Amino acid sequence: MKVICPECEEYFDLSINEYDEGDALDCPECAIDLTVVVQGGRLKVKTEKQRILEEEDEFDQYYEDDA
């Protein structure tokens, strides 16, 4: 399965059989640290910064809904 690096926008192959949600890897082109995300049965990769920002947004939304 082809995925795109959010940093350098290069495409590279990942096997859905080799990677699970949360696995860490490096972009083969720019060597940035990436995290594997599974969405709708498809693999995506995100930078650590993107992953943390999304977790913070989910956390904030959870507490806003409780208020």
N, C-alpha and C. Protein backbone atom coordinates (compact mmCIF):
# COMPACT_ATOMS: atom_id res chain seq x y z
N MET A 1 0.85 -1.17 0.00
CA MET A 1 0.00 0.00 0.00
C MET A 1 0.90 1.24 0.00
N LYS A 2 0.61 2.19 -0.86
CA LYS A 2 1.37 3.43 -0.93
C LYS A 2 0.86 4.42 0.10
N VAL A 3 1.79 5.06 0.79
CA VAL A 3 1.47 6.14 1.73
C VAL A 3 2.33 7.33 1.37
N ILE A 4 1.94 8.50 1.85
CA ILE A 4 2.69 9.71 1.54
C ILE A 4 3.24 10.31 2.83
N CYS A 5 4.50 10.71 2.78
CA CYS A 5 5.12 11.37 3.92
C CYS A 5 4.56 12.78 4.03
N PRO A 6 4.03 13.15 5.20
CA PRO A 6 3.47 14.49 5.34
C PRO A 6 4.53 15.60 5.34
N GLU A 7 5.78 15.23 5.50
CA GLU A 7 6.86 16.21 5.55
C GLU A 7 7.42 16.51 4.16
N CYS A 8 7.87 15.47 3.45
CA CYS A 8 8.51 15.69 2.14
C CYS A 8 7.60 15.34 0.97
N GLU A 9 6.42 14.76 1.26
CA GLU A 9 5.41 14.41 0.27
C GLU A 9 5.85 13.34 -0.73
N GLU A 10 6.80 12.51 -0.31
CA GLU A 10 7.21 11.37 -1.13
C GLU A 10 6.32 10.18 -0.82
N TYR A 11 6.00 9.40 -1.83
CA TYR A 11 5.23 8.17 -1.66
C TYR A 11 6.19 7.02 -1.40
N PHE A 12 5.77 6.11 -0.52
CA PHE A 12 6.53 4.89 -0.31
C PHE A 12 5.57 3.78 0.09
N ASP A 13 6.04 2.54 -0.03
CA ASP A 13 5.20 1.37 0.22
C ASP A 13 5.27 0.92 1.67
N LEU A 14 4.10 0.57 2.22
CA LEU A 14 3.99 -0.08 3.52
C LEU A 14 3.10 -1.29 3.35
N SER A 15 3.47 -2.37 3.98
CA SER A 15 2.65 -3.57 3.94
C SER A 15 1.72 -3.58 5.14
N ILE A 16 0.43 -3.73 4.90
CA ILE A 16 -0.55 -3.76 5.98
C ILE A 16 -0.33 -4.96 6.89
N ASN A 17 0.36 -5.99 6.38
CA ASN A 17 0.66 -7.18 7.19
C ASN A 17 1.86 -6.98 8.11
N GLU A 18 2.68 -5.96 7.84
CA GLU A 18 3.89 -5.74 8.62
C GLU A 18 3.75 -4.65 9.68
N TYR A 19 2.78 -3.76 9.54
CA TYR A 19 2.66 -2.62 10.44
C TYR A 19 1.30 -2.60 11.13
N ASP A 20 1.31 -2.16 12.38
CA ASP A 20 0.10 -2.00 13.17
C ASP A 20 -0.02 -0.55 13.62
N GLU A 21 -1.20 -0.19 14.07
CA GLU A 21 -1.46 1.15 14.61
C GLU A 21 -0.41 1.48 15.67
N GLY A 22 0.20 2.65 15.55
CA GLY A 22 1.15 3.12 16.54
C GLY A 22 2.59 2.74 16.29
N ASP A 23 2.84 1.89 15.28
CA ASP A 23 4.21 1.52 14.96
C ASP A 23 4.99 2.74 14.49
N ALA A 24 6.27 2.78 14.83
CA ALA A 24 7.13 3.89 14.43
C ALA A 24 7.99 3.46 13.25
N LEU A 25 8.27 4.40 12.36
CA LEU A 25 9.16 4.16 11.23
C LEU A 25 9.72 5.49 10.78
N ASP A 26 10.72 5.43 9.94
CA ASP A 26 11.33 6.63 9.36
C ASP A 26 10.97 6.71 7.89
N CYS A 27 10.75 7.93 7.41
CA CYS A 27 10.52 8.13 5.98
C CYS A 27 11.81 7.74 5.26
N PRO A 28 11.71 6.91 4.21
CA PRO A 28 12.92 6.50 3.50
C PRO A 28 13.58 7.65 2.73
N GLU A 29 12.85 8.73 2.49
CA GLU A 29 13.40 9.86 1.73
C GLU A 29 14.00 10.92 2.64
N CYS A 30 13.25 11.41 3.64
CA CYS A 30 13.73 12.52 4.46
C CYS A 30 14.11 12.10 5.89
N ALA A 31 13.85 10.85 6.24
CA ALA A 31 14.24 10.25 7.53
C ALA A 31 13.51 10.82 8.74
N ILE A 32 12.39 11.54 8.54
CA ILE A 32 11.62 12.05 9.68
C ILE A 32 10.93 10.87 10.38
N ASP A 33 10.78 10.99 11.70
CA ASP A 33 10.07 9.97 12.47
C ASP A 33 8.58 10.03 12.17
N LEU A 34 7.99 8.89 11.84
CA LEU A 34 6.57 8.79 11.52
C LEU A 34 5.91 7.73 12.38
N THR A 35 4.60 7.87 12.55
CA THR A 35 3.80 6.91 13.28
C THR A 35 2.72 6.38 12.35
N VAL A 36 2.49 5.08 12.38
CA VAL A 36 1.48 4.44 11.54
C VAL A 36 0.10 4.64 12.18
N VAL A 37 -0.86 5.04 11.36
CA VAL A 37 -2.25 5.23 11.79
C VAL A 37 -3.11 4.41 10.85
N VAL A 38 -4.08 3.69 11.41
CA VAL A 38 -5.02 2.92 10.59
C VAL A 38 -6.35 3.64 10.59
N GLN A 39 -6.83 4.00 9.40
CA GLN A 39 -8.12 4.68 9.26
C GLN A 39 -8.91 3.98 8.17
N GLY A 40 -10.04 3.41 8.56
CA GLY A 40 -10.89 2.73 7.58
C GLY A 40 -10.21 1.54 6.92
N GLY A 41 -9.35 0.84 7.65
CA GLY A 41 -8.65 -0.30 7.09
C GLY A 41 -7.46 0.05 6.23
N ARG A 42 -7.14 1.32 6.13
CA ARG A 42 -6.01 1.77 5.32
C ARG A 42 -4.94 2.33 6.23
N LEU A 43 -3.70 2.17 5.81
CA LEU A 43 -2.58 2.72 6.56
C LEU A 43 -2.32 4.16 6.14
N LYS A 44 -1.98 4.97 7.12
CA LYS A 44 -1.52 6.34 6.89
C LYS A 44 -0.34 6.55 7.81
N VAL A 45 0.45 7.56 7.54
CA VAL A 45 1.55 7.91 8.44
C VAL A 45 1.40 9.36 8.84
N LYS A 46 1.78 9.63 10.08
CA LYS A 46 1.72 10.99 10.61
C LYS A 46 3.01 11.30 11.33
N THR A 47 3.37 12.57 11.34
CA THR A 47 4.52 12.97 12.14
C THR A 47 4.12 12.93 13.60
N GLU A 48 5.10 12.88 14.46
CA GLU A 48 4.82 12.86 15.90
C GLU A 48 4.05 14.12 16.30
N LYS A 49 4.40 15.25 15.71
CA LYS A 49 3.73 16.51 16.02
C LYS A 49 2.25 16.44 15.63
N GLN A 50 1.94 15.91 14.45
CA GLN A 50 0.55 15.77 14.02
C GLN A 50 -0.23 14.87 14.96
N ARG A 51 0.40 13.76 15.36
CA ARG A 51 -0.26 12.80 16.24
C ARG A 51 -0.58 13.43 17.60
N ILE A 52 0.37 14.16 18.16
CA ILE A 52 0.16 14.79 19.46
C ILE A 52 -0.93 15.86 19.37
N LEU A 53 -0.91 16.66 18.32
CA LEU A 53 -1.94 17.70 18.17
C LEU A 53 -3.33 17.09 18.05
N GLU A 54 -3.46 15.99 17.33
CA GLU A 54 -4.76 15.33 17.20
C GLU A 54 -5.22 14.75 18.54
N GLU A 55 -4.30 14.18 19.30
CA GLU A 55 -4.67 13.66 20.62
C GLU A 55 -5.13 14.79 21.54
N GLU A 56 -4.45 15.93 21.48
CA GLU A 56 -4.85 17.08 22.30
C GLU A 56 -6.23 17.58 21.89
N ASP A 57 -6.50 17.61 20.58
CA ASP A 57 -7.82 18.03 20.10
C ASP A 57 -8.91 17.10 20.59
N GLU A 58 -8.65 15.78 20.54
CA GLU A 58 -9.63 14.81 21.03
C GLU A 58 -9.85 14.97 22.53
N PHE A 59 -8.80 15.21 23.27
CA PHE A 59 -8.88 15.43 24.71
C PHE A 59 -9.72 16.66 25.02
N ASP A 60 -9.43 17.77 24.32
CA ASP A 60 -10.18 19.01 24.52
C ASP A 60 -11.65 18.83 24.17
N GLN A 61 -11.92 18.14 23.07
CA GLN A 61 -13.30 17.92 22.65
C GLN A 61 -14.07 17.07 23.67
N TYR A 62 -13.40 16.07 24.23
CA TYR A 62 -14.02 15.21 25.24
C TYR A 62 -14.46 16.04 26.43
N TYR A 63 -13.60 16.93 26.91
CA TYR A 63 -13.93 17.71 28.10
C TYR A 63 -14.92 18.85 27.79
N GLU A 64 -14.93 19.34 26.55
CA GLU A 64 -15.91 20.34 26.17
C GLU A 64 -17.31 19.73 26.13
N ASP A 65 -17.39 18.47 25.67
CA ASP A 65 -18.67 17.78 25.61
C ASP A 65 -19.23 17.50 27.00
N ASP A 66 -18.37 17.32 28.00
CA ASP A 66 -18.81 17.06 29.36
C ASP A 66 -19.29 18.31 30.08
N ALA A 67 -18.88 19.46 29.61
CA ALA A 67 -19.22 20.73 30.29
C ALA A 67 -20.67 21.10 30.11
